Amino acid sequence: MQDVPEKKSVEGNMVIGKSRYENQKRRDWNTFGQYLRNHRPPLSLSRCSGAHVLEFLRYLDQFGKTKVHTQLCPFFGHPNPPAPCPCPLRQAWGSLDALIGRLRAAFEEHGGKPENNPFGARAVRLYLREVRDSQSKARGISYEKKKRKRPPQQQNPASLMPPQAPPESTPSASENYQ
């Protein structure tokens, strides 16, 4: 029997044989590469710093879909405002956080050293924290880490059943008619 090579053809936007995460990471990496090429002056990856990553994240804000209320907005702190307002649309914190995670991984997969990874720079981590906190306040939603649910402790099935009384002796049908 012959080994069938993994298909690398493109079907829609998905590369067959790759996970959704891998495809998204590849698209994000290509987008960042395009951003570096279009930068004035053009930037090489080796010269890219945390400041350039922040510039990229701020650039992405223009394509955001999350309404972030300003402190002057009457809906500041309300998760579901009752009417429209002129506050800006931004990238959601969760989207930016996931994007940075994928780009950090892609950087190292493309030969970058972890200690030189601009996506892991302190300035980037601080920026993400600032975005998280400001969006949390603006929408009245906290972004606390979800507590891990512990599975219920397994108990012996016999211990779950109530104690049963010993069976009473009942007269048989033939004894009833004597």
Protein backbone atom coordinates (compact mmCIF):
# COMPACT_ATOMS: atom_id res chain seq x y z
CA MET A 1 0.00 0.00 0.00
CA GLN A 2 1.32 3.45 -0.96
CA ASP A 3 1.49 6.44 1.35
CA VAL A 4 -0.72 9.20 0.02
CA PRO A 5 0.98 12.60 0.26
CA GLU A 6 -0.87 15.29 2.21
CA LYS A 7 -2.88 17.51 -0.11
CA LYS A 8 -1.60 21.05 -0.31
CA SER A 9 -4.18 22.33 -2.77
CA VAL A 10 -6.27 25.35 -1.94
CA GLU A 11 -10.00 24.94 -1.53
CA GLY A 12 -11.62 28.30 -0.92
CA ASN A 13 -9.37 29.92 1.66
CA MET A 14 -8.46 26.69 3.42
CA VAL A 15 -5.35 24.70 2.69
CA ILE A 16 -6.40 21.07 2.95
CA GLY A 17 -4.50 19.22 5.67
CA LYS A 18 -3.97 22.31 7.85
CA SER A 19 -5.93 23.33 10.92
CA ARG A 20 -7.98 26.49 11.08
CA TYR A 21 -5.42 27.89 13.54
CA GLU A 22 -2.52 27.16 11.17
CA ASN A 23 -4.34 28.80 8.27
CA GLN A 24 -5.14 31.88 10.35
CA LYS A 25 -1.55 32.08 11.57
CA ARG A 26 -0.29 31.94 7.97
CA ARG A 27 -2.72 34.69 6.89
CA ASP A 28 -1.74 36.86 9.88
CA TRP A 29 1.96 36.38 9.12
CA ASN A 30 1.41 37.32 5.46
CA THR A 31 -0.59 40.41 6.49
CA PHE A 32 2.17 41.53 8.84
CA GLY A 33 4.76 40.91 6.11
CA GLN A 34 2.70 43.06 3.72
CA TYR A 35 2.52 45.76 6.38
CA LEU A 36 6.33 45.74 6.70
CA ARG A 37 6.76 45.95 2.90
CA ASN A 38 4.31 48.89 2.68
CA HIS A 39 5.91 50.69 5.63
CA ARG A 40 7.76 53.89 4.72
CA PRO A 41 10.66 53.27 4.67
CA PRO A 42 10.16 49.52 4.12
CA LEU A 43 11.18 47.44 7.14
CA SER A 44 12.93 44.11 7.28
CA LEU A 45 11.78 41.64 9.91
CA SER A 46 15.20 41.76 11.57
CA ARG A 47 14.79 45.52 12.17
CA CYS A 48 11.22 45.19 13.44
CA SER A 49 10.70 46.14 17.09
CA GLY A 50 7.87 46.20 19.58
CA ALA A 51 7.19 49.80 18.53
CA HIS A 52 6.52 48.62 14.96
CA VAL A 53 4.17 45.93 16.27
CA LEU A 54 2.25 48.61 18.21
CA GLU A 55 2.06 50.71 15.06
CA PHE A 56 0.63 47.67 13.24
CA LEU A 57 -1.97 47.07 15.97
CA ARG A 58 -3.06 50.72 15.87
CA TYR A 59 -3.29 50.49 12.07
CA LEU A 60 -5.62 47.48 12.44
CA ASP A 61 -7.98 49.49 14.65
CA GLN A 62 -9.49 51.14 11.57
CA PHE A 63 -10.90 47.74 10.56
CA GLY A 64 -12.35 46.99 14.00
CA LYS A 65 -15.99 46.19 14.70
CA THR A 66 -16.12 46.72 18.47
CA LYS A 67 -17.68 49.98 19.69
CA VAL A 68 -15.48 51.43 22.43
CA HIS A 69 -17.23 54.27 24.27
CA THR A 70 -15.22 57.34 25.25
CA GLN A 71 -15.45 58.65 28.81
CA LEU A 72 -17.60 61.56 27.58
CA CYS A 73 -20.16 59.22 25.99
CA PRO A 74 -23.41 58.80 27.97
CA PHE A 75 -23.17 55.04 27.34
CA PHE A 76 -19.68 54.71 28.84
CA GLY A 77 -19.73 51.63 31.08
CA HIS A 78 -22.91 50.15 29.55
CA PRO A 79 -22.49 46.79 27.79
CA ASN A 80 -25.69 47.17 25.69
CA PRO A 81 -26.37 50.85 24.90
CA PRO A 82 -29.99 51.64 23.98
CA ALA A 83 -29.12 54.01 21.13
CA PRO A 84 -26.33 54.66 18.59
CA CYS A 85 -23.43 56.93 19.46
CA PRO A 86 -20.44 58.40 17.56
CA CYS A 87 -17.81 56.46 19.52
CA PRO A 88 -15.09 54.78 17.44
CA LEU A 89 -15.01 51.16 16.30
CA ARG A 90 -11.84 49.36 17.33
CA GLN A 91 -10.34 45.90 17.30
CA ALA A 92 -11.57 43.91 20.26
CA TRP A 93 -8.98 43.10 22.90
CA GLY A 94 -9.54 39.35 22.53
CA SER A 95 -8.87 39.56 18.79
CA LEU A 96 -5.64 41.49 19.32
CA ASP A 97 -4.51 39.11 22.04
CA ALA A 98 -5.11 36.08 19.82
CA LEU A 99 -3.42 37.80 16.86
CA ILE A 100 -0.28 38.54 18.90
CA GLY A 101 -0.20 34.93 20.10
CA ARG A 102 -0.32 33.62 16.53
CA LEU A 103 2.31 36.12 15.33
CA ARG A 104 4.63 35.23 18.23
CA ALA A 105 4.43 31.58 17.21
CA ALA A 106 4.86 32.37 13.49
CA PHE A 107 7.92 34.53 14.18
CA GLU A 108 9.70 31.63 15.86
CA GLU A 109 8.55 29.16 13.19
CA HIS A 110 10.18 31.42 10.59
CA GLY A 111 13.53 31.25 12.33
CA GLY A 112 13.29 34.10 14.81
CA LYS A 113 14.83 33.71 18.24
CA PRO A 114 12.40 33.92 21.19
CA GLU A 115 14.52 36.56 22.92
CA ASN A 116 14.30 38.78 19.79
CA ASN A 117 10.57 38.28 19.20
CA PRO A 118 9.02 41.76 18.76
CA PHE A 119 5.53 40.32 19.42
CA GLY A 120 6.61 39.36 22.92
CA ALA A 121 8.08 42.77 23.73
CA ARG A 122 7.16 44.35 27.06
CA ALA A 123 5.60 47.34 25.27
CA VAL A 124 3.24 45.02 23.37
CA ARG A 125 2.18 43.22 26.57
CA LEU A 126 1.55 46.57 28.29
CA TYR A 127 -0.43 47.85 25.29
CA LEU A 128 -2.64 44.74 25.30
CA ARG A 129 -3.27 45.14 29.03
CA GLU A 130 -4.15 48.82 28.50
CA VAL A 131 -6.57 47.94 25.67
CA ARG A 132 -8.17 45.22 27.79
CA ASP A 133 -8.65 47.53 30.76
CA SER A 134 -9.97 50.47 28.73
CA GLN A 135 -12.42 48.28 26.78
CA SER A 136 -13.54 46.63 30.00
CA LYS A 137 -14.33 50.01 31.57
CA ALA A 138 -15.91 51.42 28.41
CA ARG A 139 -18.28 48.49 28.01
CA GLY A 140 -18.84 47.67 31.67
CA ILE A 141 -17.59 44.12 31.17
CA SER A 142 -14.76 42.58 33.14
CA TYR A 143 -12.21 40.44 31.36
CA GLU A 144 -11.29 38.26 34.29
CA LYS A 145 -9.73 34.90 33.63
CA LYS A 146 -12.34 32.20 33.65
CA LYS A 147 -12.12 29.90 36.62
CA ARG A 148 -11.49 26.33 35.62
CA LYS A 149 -14.38 24.13 36.58
CA ARG A 150 -13.27 21.15 38.59
CA PRO A 151 -14.92 17.92 37.59
CA PRO A 152 -17.17 16.54 40.33
CA GLN A 153 -15.44 13.96 42.46
CA GLN A 154 -16.26 10.43 41.48
CA GLN A 155 -18.11 8.57 44.18
CA ASN A 156 -18.82 4.93 44.51
CA PRO A 157 -22.23 4.39 42.82
CA ALA A 158 -23.35 2.24 45.76
CA SER A 159 -22.72 5.12 48.17
CA LEU A 160 -25.07 7.37 46.16
CA MET A 161 -28.06 5.05 46.68
CA PRO A 162 -30.07 5.34 49.92
CA PRO A 163 -29.74 2.39 52.27
CA GLN A 164 -32.41 -0.21 51.66
CA ALA A 165 -34.32 -2.12 54.28
CA PRO A 166 -34.01 -5.90 54.12
CA PRO A 167 -36.79 -7.48 52.07
CA GLU A 168 -39.82 -8.45 54.09
CA SER A 169 -41.09 -11.96 53.77
CA THR A 170 -44.38 -11.85 51.97
CA PRO A 171 -46.75 -14.75 51.88
CA SER A 172 -46.85 -16.57 48.61
CA ALA A 173 -50.07 -16.71 46.64
CA SER A 174 -50.71 -20.32 47.71
CA GLU A 175 -50.39 -19.35 51.41
CA ASN A 176 -53.01 -16.60 51.01
CA TYR A 177 -55.70 -19.10 49.92
CA GLN A 178 -55.31 -21.68 52.61
